[in-house]
Amino acid sequence: MPISNDLLEILVCPETKAPLVLDGETLVSTDPKTRRRYKIKDDIPIMLIDESEILEETEWKAIMEKYNASPFNQG
């Protein structure tokens, strides 16, 4: 079963608490400073910072544009 919208609404990046965007089998942080991507294995998000990857800025921006996601602002 894929990640439900209800779960997606409450999941946040464990490092910055930024909202996440579902991109295929990954969750991508909307934080432009960290640009972390978390894998989903067997429909379970792996929300461990040590197992995440940091995206290049251009790839992160393309994902944000693809899903019309607003960058996280800790302001």
Protein backbone atom coordinates (compact mmCIF):
# COMPACT_ATOMS: atom_id res chain seq x y z
CA MET A 1 0.00 0.00 0.00
CA PRO A 2 1.53 3.35 -1.00
CA ILE A 3 1.96 6.15 1.49
CA SER A 4 -1.40 7.76 2.21
CA ASN A 5 -1.95 11.50 1.98
CA ASP A 6 -2.81 11.51 5.70
CA LEU A 7 0.60 10.05 6.56
CA LEU A 8 2.36 12.34 4.11
CA GLU A 9 0.78 15.36 5.82
CA ILE A 10 2.28 14.45 9.21
CA LEU A 11 5.70 13.22 8.09
CA VAL A 12 8.48 15.82 8.16
CA CYS A 13 12.20 15.82 7.62
CA PRO A 14 13.75 14.59 10.89
CA GLU A 15 16.62 17.06 10.55
CA THR A 16 14.77 20.31 9.82
CA LYS A 17 11.05 19.48 10.32
CA ALA A 18 10.40 20.62 6.74
CA PRO A 19 7.41 19.16 4.88
CA LEU A 20 8.13 16.35 2.43
CA VAL A 21 7.21 15.74 -1.19
CA LEU A 22 6.48 12.23 -2.44
CA ASP A 23 8.61 11.57 -5.54
CA GLY A 24 8.21 8.00 -6.74
CA GLU A 25 9.72 5.70 -4.11
CA THR A 26 11.29 8.56 -2.16
CA LEU A 27 10.34 11.47 0.07
CA VAL A 28 12.14 14.76 -0.59
CA SER A 29 12.54 17.49 1.99
CA THR A 30 11.35 20.93 0.91
CA ASP A 31 14.25 22.52 2.83
CA PRO A 32 16.55 24.21 0.26
CA LYS A 33 19.52 24.14 2.65
CA THR A 34 19.61 20.38 3.27
CA ARG A 35 17.84 18.98 0.15
CA ARG A 36 17.53 15.51 1.72
CA ARG A 37 15.89 12.53 0.02
CA TYR A 38 14.61 9.57 2.04
CA LYS A 39 13.96 6.15 0.51
CA ILE A 40 10.74 4.20 0.87
CA LYS A 41 11.24 0.42 1.23
CA ASP A 42 8.28 -1.97 1.24
CA ASP A 43 5.95 1.04 1.65
CA ILE A 44 7.82 2.15 4.81
CA PRO A 45 9.60 5.51 4.77
CA ILE A 46 13.20 5.22 6.00
CA MET A 47 13.39 8.50 7.90
CA LEU A 48 16.97 8.17 9.14
CA ILE A 49 19.26 11.10 8.44
CA ASP A 50 22.26 8.77 8.11
CA GLU A 51 20.49 6.80 5.36
CA SER A 52 19.24 9.81 3.42
CA GLU A 53 21.01 11.37 0.48
CA ILE A 54 21.63 15.02 -0.26
CA LEU A 55 20.43 16.07 -3.69
CA GLU A 56 22.28 18.43 -5.98
CA GLU A 57 20.56 21.81 -6.04
CA THR A 58 19.42 21.48 -9.67
CA GLU A 59 17.83 18.06 -9.08
CA TRP A 60 16.14 19.30 -5.88
CA LYS A 61 14.76 22.37 -7.69
CA ALA A 62 13.42 20.20 -10.52
CA ILE A 63 11.55 18.02 -8.02
CA MET A 64 10.10 21.06 -6.25
CA GLU A 65 8.92 22.49 -9.59
CA LYS A 66 7.53 19.12 -10.73
CA TYR A 67 5.23 18.96 -7.68
CA ASN A 68 4.69 22.72 -7.37
CA ALA A 69 6.12 22.54 -3.83
CA SER A 70 7.00 25.64 -1.88
CA PRO A 71 10.49 25.67 -0.37
CA PHE A 72 10.51 25.44 3.41
CA ASN A 73 11.39 28.65 5.21
CA GLN A 74 12.42 28.31 8.85
CA GLY A 75 12.13 32.11 9.08
